[in-house]
Amino acid sequence: MNKPNHHLFVCGSFRANGSPAGACAKKQSLAIVQHLQEEVDTRALPGVIVSMTGCLNCCVNGPVVIDYPSGHWYKGVTEDAADAILDAIENNTVAEEYLLP
């Protein structure tokens, strides 16, 4: 595997002690991971990978997605927001309406 250009980390709401923080998981973050992966595959986006993380401690803004290495943190990610994030990656722009301030 080559180093990815974009590694999308999706909050999975689990803290280090194993307890769920809840916000992102309750807001369907697992479905967001699945949707992102399907879209990456469908769009055949080279250099984009998707992973689920533990809690990112931004519960009020969840589900949260981080685009690494760009450093963009996206909040309230739905399937529509995920599509906008991938559109931005394809167009070498940023999905500004979903950025976490």
PDB file of N, CA and C in Angstrom:
ATOM      1  N   MET A   1       0.842  -1.189   0.000  1.00  0.00           N
ATOM      2  CA  MET A   1       0.000   0.000   0.000  1.00  0.00           C
ATOM      3  C   MET A   1       0.878   1.239   0.000  1.00  0.00           C
ATOM      4  N   ASN A   2       0.534   2.182  -0.838  1.00  0.00           N
ATOM      5  CA  ASN A   2       1.227   3.458  -0.858  1.00  0.00           C
ATOM      6  C   ASN A   2       0.646   4.374   0.203  1.00  0.00           C
ATOM      7  N   LYS A   3       1.406   5.356   0.593  1.00  0.00           N
ATOM      8  CA  LYS A   3       0.939   6.343   1.557  1.00  0.00           C
ATOM      9  C   LYS A   3      -0.266   7.070   0.967  1.00  0.00           C
ATOM     10  N   PRO A   4      -1.367   7.173   1.724  1.00  0.00           N
ATOM     11  CA  PRO A   4      -2.559   7.837   1.185  1.00  0.00           C
ATOM     12  C   PRO A   4      -2.381   9.354   1.112  1.00  0.00           C
ATOM     13  N   ASN A   5      -3.062   9.957   0.159  1.00  0.00           N
ATOM     14  CA  ASN A   5      -3.107  11.416   0.070  1.00  0.00           C
ATOM     15  C   ASN A   5      -4.119  11.973   1.053  1.00  0.00           C
ATOM     16  N   HIS A   6      -5.177  11.201   1.305  1.00  0.00           N
ATOM     17  CA  HIS A   6      -6.229  11.579   2.245  1.00  0.00           C
ATOM     18  C   HIS A   6      -6.595  10.349   3.062  1.00  0.00           C
ATOM     19  N   HIS A   7      -6.473  10.467   4.371  1.00  0.00           N
ATOM     20  CA  HIS A   7      -6.908   9.412   5.275  1.00  0.00           C
ATOM     21  C   HIS A   7      -8.036  10.006   6.094  1.00  0.00           C
ATOM     22  N   LEU A   8      -9.244   9.508   5.869  1.00  0.00           N
ATOM     23  CA  LEU A   8     -10.427  10.023   6.548  1.00  0.00           C
ATOM     24  C   LEU A   8     -10.681   9.207   7.811  1.00  0.00           C
ATOM     25  N   PHE A   9     -10.578   9.874   8.953  1.00  0.00           N
ATOM     26  CA  PHE A   9     -10.815   9.246  10.250  1.00  0.00           C
ATOM     27  C   PHE A   9     -12.211   9.643  10.724  1.00  0.00           C
ATOM     28  N   VAL A  10     -13.050   8.654  11.013  1.00  0.00           N
ATOM     29  CA  VAL A  10     -14.416   8.895  11.464  1.00  0.00           C
ATOM     30  C   VAL A  10     -14.513   8.492  12.933  1.00  0.00           C
ATOM     31  N   CYS A  11     -15.006   9.399  13.768  1.00  0.00           N
ATOM     32  CA  CYS A  11     -15.130   9.118  15.192  1.00  0.00           C
ATOM     33  C   CYS A  11     -16.076   7.947  15.426  1.00  0.00           C
ATOM     34  N   GLY A  12     -15.614   6.994  16.251  1.00  0.00           N
ATOM     35  CA  GLY A  12     -16.428   5.844  16.607  1.00  0.00           C
ATOM     36  C   GLY A  12     -17.004   5.924  18.006  1.00  0.00           C
ATOM     37  N   SER A  13     -16.741   7.012  18.721  1.00  0.00           N
ATOM     38  CA  SER A  13     -17.331   7.296  20.028  1.00  0.00           C
ATOM     39  C   SER A  13     -16.883   6.409  21.181  1.00  0.00           C
ATOM     40  N   PHE A  14     -15.849   5.647  21.027  1.00  0.00           N
ATOM     41  CA  PHE A  14     -15.392   4.828  22.140  1.00  0.00           C
ATOM     42  C   PHE A  14     -14.127   5.421  22.738  1.00  0.00           C
ATOM     43  N   ARG A  15     -14.141   5.577  24.038  1.00  0.00           N
ATOM     44  CA  ARG A  15     -13.009   6.157  24.758  1.00  0.00           C
ATOM     45  C   ARG A  15     -12.005   5.066  25.104  1.00  0.00           C
ATOM     46  N   ALA A  16     -10.827   5.462  25.535  1.00  0.00           N
ATOM     47  CA  ALA A  16      -9.743   4.523  25.816  1.00  0.00           C
ATOM     48  C   ALA A  16     -10.141   3.433  26.809  1.00  0.00           C
ATOM     49  N   ASN A  17     -11.001   3.743  27.767  1.00  0.00           N
ATOM     50  CA  ASN A  17     -11.414   2.731  28.745  1.00  0.00           C
ATOM     51  C   ASN A  17     -12.503   1.810  28.204  1.00  0.00           C
ATOM     52  N   GLY A  18     -12.899   2.015  26.962  1.00  0.00           N
ATOM     53  CA  GLY A  18     -13.885   1.151  26.325  1.00  0.00           C
ATOM     54  C   GLY A  18     -15.318   1.622  26.441  1.00  0.00           C
ATOM     55  N   SER A  19     -15.554   2.638  27.256  1.00  0.00           N
ATOM     56  CA  SER A  19     -16.931   3.112  27.403  1.00  0.00           C
ATOM     57  C   SER A  19     -17.300   4.021  26.238  1.00  0.00           C
ATOM     58  N   PRO A  20     -18.505   3.867  25.746  1.00  0.00           N
ATOM     59  CA  PRO A  20     -18.920   4.731  24.648  1.00  0.00           C
ATOM     60  C   PRO A  20     -19.249   6.137  25.144  1.00  0.00           C
ATOM     61  N   ALA A  21     -18.740   7.136  24.447  1.00  0.00           N
ATOM     62  CA  ALA A  21     -19.128   8.510  24.754  1.00  0.00           C
ATOM     63  C   ALA A  21     -20.514   8.748  24.184  1.00  0.00           C
ATOM     64  N   GLY A  22     -20.789   8.121  23.051  1.00  0.00           N
ATOM     65  CA  GLY A  22     -22.135   8.066  22.546  1.00  0.00           C
ATOM     66  C   GLY A  22     -22.533   8.974  21.420  1.00  0.00           C
ATOM     67  N   ALA A  23     -22.053  10.175  21.360  1.00  0.00           N
ATOM     68  CA  ALA A  23     -22.594  11.141  20.404  1.00  0.00           C
ATOM     69  C   ALA A  23     -22.436  10.697  18.952  1.00  0.00           C
ATOM     70  N   CYS A  24     -21.245  10.373  18.540  1.00  0.00           N
ATOM     71  CA  CYS A  24     -21.041  10.024  17.135  1.00  0.00           C
ATOM     72  C   CYS A  24     -21.678   8.685  16.790  1.00  0.00           C
ATOM     73  N   ALA A  25     -21.546   7.707  17.664  1.00  0.00           N
ATOM     74  CA  ALA A  25     -22.143   6.398  17.404  1.00  0.00           C
ATOM     75  C   ALA A  25     -23.664   6.507  17.335  1.00  0.00           C
ATOM     76  N   LYS A  26     -24.246   7.295  18.223  1.00  0.00           N
ATOM     77  CA  LYS A  26     -25.700   7.464  18.217  1.00  0.00           C
ATOM     78  C   LYS A  26     -26.169   8.244  16.998  1.00  0.00           C
ATOM     79  N   LYS A  27     -25.257   8.994  16.384  1.00  0.00           N
ATOM     80  CA  LYS A  27     -25.584   9.760  15.188  1.00  0.00           C
ATOM     81  C   LYS A  27     -25.113   9.030  13.930  1.00  0.00           C
ATOM     82  N   GLN A  28     -24.992   7.718  14.022  1.00  0.00           N
ATOM     83  CA  GLN A  28     -24.747   6.848  12.863  1.00  0.00           C
ATOM     84  C   GLN A  28     -23.356   6.957  12.237  1.00  0.00           C
ATOM     85  N   SER A  29     -22.318   7.120  13.059  1.00  0.00           N
ATOM     86  CA  SER A  29     -20.974   7.229  12.496  1.00  0.00           C
ATOM     87  C   SER A  29     -20.544   5.953  11.765  1.00  0.00           C
ATOM     88  N   LEU A  30     -21.001   4.787  12.215  1.00  0.00           N
ATOM     89  CA  LEU A  30     -20.656   3.553  11.505  1.00  0.00           C
ATOM     90  C   LEU A  30     -21.227   3.574  10.090  1.00  0.00           C
ATOM     91  N   ALA A  31     -22.446   4.071   9.943  1.00  0.00           N
ATOM     92  CA  ALA A  31     -23.043   4.190   8.612  1.00  0.00           C
ATOM     93  C   ALA A  31     -22.254   5.170   7.752  1.00  0.00           C
ATOM     94  N   ILE A  32     -21.705   6.211   8.373  1.00  0.00           N
ATOM     95  CA  ILE A  32     -20.880   7.183   7.636  1.00  0.00           C
ATOM     96  C   ILE A  32     -19.609   6.509   7.127  1.00  0.00           C
ATOM     97  N   VAL A  33     -18.983   5.688   7.972  1.00  0.00           N
ATOM     98  CA  VAL A  33     -17.786   4.945   7.542  1.00  0.00           C
ATOM     99  C   VAL A  33     -18.124   4.078   6.337  1.00  0.00           C
ATOM    100  N   GLN A  34     -19.206   3.343   6.431  1.00  0.00           N
ATOM    101  CA  GLN A  34     -19.610   2.465   5.329  1.00  0.00           C
ATOM    102  C   GLN A  34     -19.908   3.255   4.063  1.00  0.00           C
ATOM    103  N   HIS A  35     -20.621   4.371   4.214  1.00  0.00           N
ATOM    104  CA  HIS A  35     -20.954   5.203   3.058  1.00  0.00           C
ATOM    105  C   HIS A  35     -19.680   5.767   2.408  1.00  0.00           C
ATOM    106  N   LEU A  36     -18.785   6.298   3.234  1.00  0.00           N
ATOM    107  CA  LEU A  36     -17.530   6.843   2.697  1.00  0.00           C
ATOM    108  C   LEU A  36     -16.749   5.772   1.945  1.00  0.00           C
ATOM    109  N   GLN A  37     -16.640   4.584   2.530  1.00  0.00           N
ATOM    110  CA  GLN A  37     -15.873   3.520   1.872  1.00  0.00           C
ATOM    111  C   GLN A  37     -16.508   3.113   0.553  1.00  0.00           C
ATOM    112  N   GLU A  38     -17.829   2.983   0.545  1.00  0.00           N
ATOM    113  CA  GLU A  38     -18.518   2.639  -0.701  1.00  0.00           C
ATOM    114  C   GLU A  38     -18.304   3.705  -1.760  1.00  0.00           C
ATOM    115  N   GLU A  39     -18.389   4.968  -1.364  1.00  0.00           N
ATOM    116  CA  GLU A  39     -18.191   6.069  -2.317  1.00  0.00           C
ATOM    117  C   GLU A  39     -16.754   6.141  -2.819  1.00  0.00           C
ATOM    118  N   VAL A  40     -15.790   5.913  -1.929  1.00  0.00           N
ATOM    119  CA  VAL A  40     -14.382   5.895  -2.345  1.00  0.00           C
ATOM    120  C   VAL A  40     -14.184   4.801  -3.381  1.00  0.00           C
ATOM    121  N   ASP A  41     -14.779   3.635  -3.135  1.00  0.00           N
ATOM    122  CA  ASP A  41     -14.661   2.524  -4.085  1.00  0.00           C
ATOM    123  C   ASP A  41     -15.382   2.825  -5.391  1.00  0.00           C
ATOM    124  N   THR A  42     -16.617   3.339  -5.308  1.00  0.00           N
ATOM    125  CA  THR A  42     -17.415   3.647  -6.497  1.00  0.00           C
ATOM    126  C   THR A  42     -16.735   4.712  -7.353  1.00  0.00           C
ATOM    127  N   ARG A  43     -16.207   5.733  -6.690  1.00  0.00           N
ATOM    128  CA  ARG A  43     -15.554   6.825  -7.417  1.00  0.00           C
ATOM    129  C   ARG A  43     -14.128   6.473  -7.830  1.00  0.00           C
ATOM    130  N   ALA A  44     -13.648   5.337  -7.356  1.00  0.00           N
ATOM    131  CA  ALA A  44     -12.273   4.886  -7.630  1.00  0.00           C
ATOM    132  C   ALA A  44     -11.269   5.989  -7.287  1.00  0.00           C
ATOM    133  N   LEU A  45     -11.377   6.491  -6.063  1.00  0.00           N
ATOM    134  CA  LEU A  45     -10.486   7.563  -5.620  1.00  0.00           C
ATOM    135  C   LEU A  45      -9.152   6.987  -5.150  1.00  0.00           C
ATOM    136  N   PRO A  46      -8.115   7.184  -5.931  1.00  0.00           N
ATOM    137  CA  PRO A  46      -6.812   6.669  -5.515  1.00  0.00           C
ATOM    138  C   PRO A  46      -6.272   7.507  -4.353  1.00  0.00           C
ATOM    139  N   GLY A  47      -5.617   6.856  -3.432  1.00  0.00           N
ATOM    140  CA  GLY A  47      -4.967   7.580  -2.351  1.00  0.00           C
ATOM    141  C   GLY A  47      -5.903   8.057  -1.259  1.00  0.00           C
ATOM    142  N   VAL A  48      -7.150   7.543  -1.216  1.00  0.00           N
ATOM    143  CA  VAL A  48      -8.090   7.907  -0.156  1.00  0.00           C
ATOM    144  C   VAL A  48      -8.455   6.633   0.604  1.00  0.00           C
ATOM    145  N   ILE A  49      -8.231   6.652   1.930  1.00  0.00           N
ATOM    146  CA  ILE A  49      -8.638   5.525   2.749  1.00  0.00           C
ATOM    147  C   ILE A  49      -9.499   6.037   3.907  1.00  0.00           C
ATOM    148  N   VAL A  50     -10.325   5.147   4.442  1.00  0.00           N
ATOM    149  CA  VAL A  50     -11.283   5.494   5.496  1.00  0.00           C
ATOM    150  C   VAL A  50     -11.052   4.576   6.687  1.00  0.00           C
ATOM    151  N   SER A  51     -11.024   5.163   7.890  1.00  0.00           N
ATOM    152  CA  SER A  51     -10.865   4.388   9.120  1.00  0.00           C
ATOM    153  C   SER A  51     -11.771   4.945  10.202  1.00  0.00           C
ATOM    154  N   MET A  52     -12.175   4.068  11.114  1.00  0.00           N
ATOM    155  CA  MET A  52     -12.932   4.503  12.290  1.00  0.00           C
ATOM    156  C   MET A  52     -11.942   4.654  13.445  1.00  0.00           C
ATOM    157  N   THR A  53     -12.160   5.677  14.275  1.00  0.00           N
ATOM    158  CA  THR A  53     -11.281   5.933  15.409  1.00  0.00           C
ATOM    159  C   THR A  53     -12.047   5.765  16.711  1.00  0.00           C
ATOM    160  N   GLY A  54     -11.321   5.913  17.794  1.00  0.00           N
ATOM    161  CA  GLY A  54     -11.956   6.051  19.095  1.00  0.00           C
ATOM    162  C   GLY A  54     -12.494   7.465  19.208  1.00  0.00           C
ATOM    163  N   CYS A  55     -12.950   7.816  20.396  1.00  0.00           N
ATOM    164  CA  CYS A  55     -13.552   9.126  20.630  1.00  0.00           C
ATOM    165  C   CYS A  55     -12.556  10.250  20.338  1.00  0.00           C
ATOM    166  N   LEU A  56     -13.013  11.263  19.622  1.00  0.00           N
ATOM    167  CA  LEU A  56     -12.183  12.427  19.294  1.00  0.00           C
ATOM    168  C   LEU A  56     -12.456  13.604  20.227  1.00  0.00           C
ATOM    169  N   ASN A  57     -13.279  13.373  21.252  1.00  0.00           N
ATOM    170  CA  ASN A  57     -13.583  14.381  22.270  1.00  0.00           C
ATOM    171  C   ASN A  57     -14.220  15.643  21.707  1.00  0.00           C
ATOM    172  N   CYS A  58     -15.019  15.482  20.691  1.00  0.00           N
ATOM    173  CA  CYS A  58     -15.782  16.586  20.086  1.00  0.00           C
ATOM    174  C   CYS A  58     -17.249  16.184  20.000  1.00  0.00           C
ATOM    175  N   CYS A  59     -17.735  15.534  21.038  1.00  0.00           N
ATOM    176  CA  CYS A  59     -19.044  14.886  21.007  1.00  0.00           C
ATOM    177  C   CYS A  59     -20.173  15.798  20.535  1.00  0.00           C
ATOM    178  N   VAL A  60     -20.165  17.026  20.964  1.00  0.00           N
ATOM    179  CA  VAL A  60     -21.253  17.937  20.611  1.00  0.00           C
ATOM    180  C   VAL A  60     -21.288  18.217  19.104  1.00  0.00           C
ATOM    181  N   ASN A  61     -20.184  17.991  18.416  1.00  0.00           N
ATOM    182  CA  ASN A  61     -20.086  18.273  16.979  1.00  0.00           C
ATOM    183  C   ASN A  61     -20.218  17.035  16.098  1.00  0.00           C
ATOM    184  N   GLY A  62     -20.504  15.888  16.692  1.00  0.00           N
ATOM    185  CA  GLY A  62     -20.471  14.642  15.965  1.00  0.00           C
ATOM    186  C   GLY A  62     -21.612  14.437  14.985  1.00  0.00           C
ATOM    187  N   PRO A  63     -21.408  13.481  14.110  1.00  0.00           N
ATOM    188  CA  PRO A  63     -20.188  12.733  13.874  1.00  0.00           C
ATOM    189  C   PRO A  63     -19.087  13.616  13.280  1.00  0.00           C
ATOM    190  N   VAL A  64     -17.881  13.355  13.738  1.00  0.00           N
ATOM    191  CA  VAL A  64     -16.713  14.132  13.311  1.00  0.00           C
ATOM    192  C   VAL A  64     -15.862  13.279  12.373  1.00  0.00           C
ATOM    193  N   VAL A  65     -15.375  13.913  11.307  1.00  0.00           N
ATOM    194  CA  VAL A  65     -14.462  13.277  10.358  1.00  0.00           C
ATOM    195  C   VAL A  65     -13.241  14.166  10.228  1.00  0.00           C
ATOM    196  N   ILE A  66     -12.061  13.562  10.320  1.00  0.00           N
ATOM    197  CA  ILE A  66     -10.802  14.293  10.127  1.00  0.00           C
ATOM    198  C   ILE A  66     -10.187  13.839   8.810  1.00  0.00           C
ATOM    199  N   ASP A  67      -9.786  14.800   7.997  1.00  0.00           N
ATOM    200  CA  ASP A  67      -9.055  14.518   6.757  1.00  0.00           C
ATOM    201  C   ASP A  67      -7.579  14.758   7.053  1.00  0.00           C
ATOM    202  N   TYR A  68      -6.824  13.667   7.106  1.00  0.00           N
ATOM    203  CA  TYR A  68      -5.394  13.745   7.378  1.00  0.00           C
ATOM    204  C   TYR A  68      -4.654  13.504   6.076  1.00  0.00           C
ATOM    205  N   PRO A  69      -3.638  14.192   5.741  1.00  0.00           N
ATOM    206  CA  PRO A  69      -2.866  15.124   6.544  1.00  0.00           C
ATOM    207  C   PRO A  69      -3.281  16.589   6.406  1.00  0.00           C
ATOM    208  N   SER A  70      -4.388  16.864   5.712  1.00  0.00           N
ATOM    209  CA  SER A  70      -4.764  18.276   5.520  1.00  0.00           C
ATOM    210  C   SER A  70      -5.096  18.965   6.835  1.00  0.00           C
ATOM    211  N   GLY A  71      -5.565  18.178   7.822  1.00  0.00           N
ATOM    212  CA  GLY A  71      -5.914  18.761   9.105  1.00  0.00           C
ATOM    213  C   GLY A  71      -7.315  19.326   9.168  1.00  0.00           C
ATOM    214  N   HIS A  72      -8.133  19.057   8.164  1.00  0.00           N
ATOM    215  CA  HIS A  72      -9.507  19.548   8.178  1.00  0.00           C
ATOM    216  C   HIS A  72     -10.366  18.642   9.056  1.00  0.00           C
ATOM    217  N   TRP A  73     -11.073  19.262  10.008  1.00  0.00           N
ATOM    218  CA  TRP A  73     -12.002  18.560  10.885  1.00  0.00           C
ATOM    219  C   TRP A  73     -13.407  18.947  10.449  1.00  0.00           C
ATOM    220  N   TYR A  74     -14.225  17.937  10.142  1.00  0.00           N
ATOM    221  CA  TYR A  74     -15.585  18.174   9.696  1.00  0.00           C
ATOM    222  C   TYR A  74     -16.567  17.753  10.782  1.00  0.00           C
ATOM    223  N   LYS A  75     -17.626  18.536  10.943  1.00  0.00           N
ATOM    224  CA  LYS A  75     -18.614  18.300  12.003  1.00  0.00           C
ATOM    225  C   LYS A  75     -19.969  17.924  11.423  1.00  0.00           C
ATOM    226  N   GLY A  76     -20.765  17.245  12.252  1.00  0.00           N
ATOM    227  CA  GLY A  76     -22.131  16.916  11.859  1.00  0.00           C
ATOM    228  C   GLY A  76     -22.216  16.183  10.544  1.00  0.00           C
ATOM    229  N   VAL A  77     -21.315  15.238  10.324  1.00  0.00           N
ATOM    230  CA  VAL A  77     -21.222  14.593   9.019  1.00  0.00           C
ATOM    231  C   VAL A  77     -22.364  13.594   8.819  1.00  0.00           C
ATOM    232  N   THR A  78     -23.122  13.850   7.774  1.00  0.00           N
ATOM    233  CA  THR A  78     -24.190  12.981   7.298  1.00  0.00           C
ATOM    234  C   THR A  78     -23.713  12.379   5.976  1.00  0.00           C
ATOM    235  N   GLU A  79     -24.545  11.576   5.333  1.00  0.00           N
ATOM    236  CA  GLU A  79     -24.160  11.053   4.021  1.00  0.00           C
ATOM    237  C   GLU A  79     -23.977  12.189   3.018  1.00  0.00           C
ATOM    238  N   ASP A  80     -24.834  13.201   3.076  1.00  0.00           N
ATOM    239  CA  ASP A  80     -24.685  14.348   2.166  1.00  0.00           C
ATOM    240  C   ASP A  80     -23.373  15.085   2.430  1.00  0.00           C
ATOM    241  N   ALA A  81     -23.040  15.257   3.704  1.00  0.00           N
ATOM    242  CA  ALA A  81     -21.778  15.918   4.055  1.00  0.00           C
ATOM    243  C   ALA A  81     -20.590  15.072   3.602  1.00  0.00           C
ATOM    244  N   ALA A  82     -20.702  13.758   3.781  1.00  0.00           N
ATOM    245  CA  ALA A  82     -19.628  12.862   3.331  1.00  0.00           C
ATOM    246  C   ALA A  82     -19.415  12.992   1.832  1.00  0.00           C
ATOM    247  N   ASP A  83     -20.510  13.075   1.079  1.00  0.00           N
ATOM    248  CA  ASP A  83     -20.398  13.266  -0.373  1.00  0.00           C
ATOM    249  C   ASP A  83     -19.725  14.593  -0.691  1.00  0.00           C
ATOM    250  N   ALA A  84     -20.067  15.645   0.057  1.00  0.00           N
ATOM    251  CA  ALA A  84     -19.447  16.956  -0.164  1.00  0.00           C
ATOM    252  C   ALA A  84     -17.959  16.909   0.155  1.00  0.00           C
ATOM    253  N   ILE A  85     -17.580  16.175   1.182  1.00  0.00           N
ATOM    254  CA  ILE A  85     -16.162  16.030   1.538  1.00  0.00           C
ATOM    255  C   ILE A  85     -15.412  15.322   0.417  1.00  0.00           C
ATOM    256  N   LEU A  86     -15.995  14.245  -0.093  1.00  0.00           N
ATOM    257  CA  LEU A  86     -15.343  13.527  -1.195  1.00  0.00           C
ATOM    258  C   LEU A  86     -15.316  14.361  -2.470  1.00  0.00           C
ATOM    259  N   ASP A  87     -16.386  15.121  -2.734  1.00  0.00           N
ATOM    260  CA  ASP A  87     -16.378  16.038  -3.882  1.00  0.00           C
ATOM    261  C   ASP A  87     -15.228  17.028  -3.750  1.00  0.00           C
ATOM    262  N   ALA A  88     -15.043  17.557  -2.545  1.00  0.00           N
ATOM    263  CA  ALA A  88     -13.961  18.520  -2.303  1.00  0.00           C
ATOM    264  C   ALA A  88     -12.601  17.871  -2.524  1.00  0.00           C
ATOM    265  N   ILE A  89     -12.444  16.643  -2.068  1.00  0.00           N
ATOM    266  CA  ILE A  89     -11.173  15.942  -2.291  1.00  0.00           C
ATOM    267  C   ILE A  89     -10.917  15.785  -3.787  1.00  0.00           C
ATOM    268  N   GLU A  90     -11.959  15.399  -4.523  1.00  0.00           N
ATOM    269  CA  GLU A  90     -11.813  15.229  -5.977  1.00  0.00           C
ATOM    270  C   GLU A  90     -11.459  16.537  -6.669  1.00  0.00           C
ATOM    271  N   ASN A  91     -11.985  17.652  -6.141  1.00  0.00           N
ATOM    272  CA  ASN A  91     -11.769  18.965  -6.763  1.00  0.00           C
ATOM    273  C   ASN A  91     -10.631  19.758  -6.135  1.00  0.00           C
ATOM    274  N   ASN A  92      -9.917  19.100  -5.209  1.00  0.00           N
ATOM    275  CA  ASN A  92      -8.801  19.751  -4.517  1.00  0.00           C
ATOM    276  C   ASN A  92      -9.243  21.047  -3.824  1.00  0.00           C
ATOM    277  N   THR A  93     -10.419  20.969  -3.162  1.00  0.00           N
ATOM    278  CA  THR A  93     -10.954  22.093  -2.411  1.00  0.00           C
ATOM    279  C   THR A  93     -11.285  21.599  -0.998  1.00  0.00           C
ATOM    280  N   VAL A  94     -12.085  22.357  -0.266  1.00  0.00           N
ATOM    281  CA  VAL A  94     -12.488  22.007   1.095  1.00  0.00           C
ATOM    282  C   VAL A  94     -14.002  22.151   1.197  1.00  0.00           C
ATOM    283  N   ALA A  95     -14.648  21.231   1.878  1.00  0.00           N
ATOM    284  CA  ALA A  95     -16.094  21.313   2.118  1.00  0.00           C
ATOM    285  C   ALA A  95     -16.311  22.263   3.295  1.00  0.00           C
ATOM    286  N   GLU A  96     -16.164  23.548   3.026  1.00  0.00           N
ATOM    287  CA  GLU A  96     -16.125  24.565   4.078  1.00  0.00           C
ATOM    288  C   GLU A  96     -17.372  24.617   4.945  1.00  0.00           C
ATOM    289  N   GLU A  97     -18.542  24.300   4.386  1.00  0.00           N
ATOM    290  CA  GLU A  97     -19.765  24.401   5.165  1.00  0.00           C
ATOM    291  C   GLU A  97     -19.820  23.383   6.316  1.00  0.00           C
ATOM    292  N   TYR A  98     -18.946  22.373   6.286  1.00  0.00           N
ATOM    293  CA  TYR A  98     -18.923  21.363   7.335  1.00  0.00           C
ATOM    294  C   TYR A  98     -17.697  21.460   8.234  1.00  0.00           C
ATOM    295  N   LEU A  99     -16.832  22.431   8.002  1.00  0.00           N
ATOM    296  CA  LEU A  99     -15.610  22.551   8.801  1.00  0.00           C
ATOM    297  C   LEU A  99     -15.924  22.850  10.265  1.00  0.00           C
ATOM    298  N   LEU A 100     -15.179  22.203  11.129  1.00  0.00           N
ATOM    299  CA  LEU A 100     -15.259  22.501  12.556  1.00  0.00           C
ATOM    300  C   LEU A 100     -14.402  23.740  12.821  1.00  0.00           C
ATOM    301  N   PRO A 101     -14.998  24.790  13.418  1.00  0.00           N
ATOM    302  CA  PRO A 101     -14.214  26.016  13.612  1.00  0.00           C
ATOM    303  C   PRO A 101     -13.094  25.842  14.613  1.00  0.00           C
TER     304      PRO A 101
END
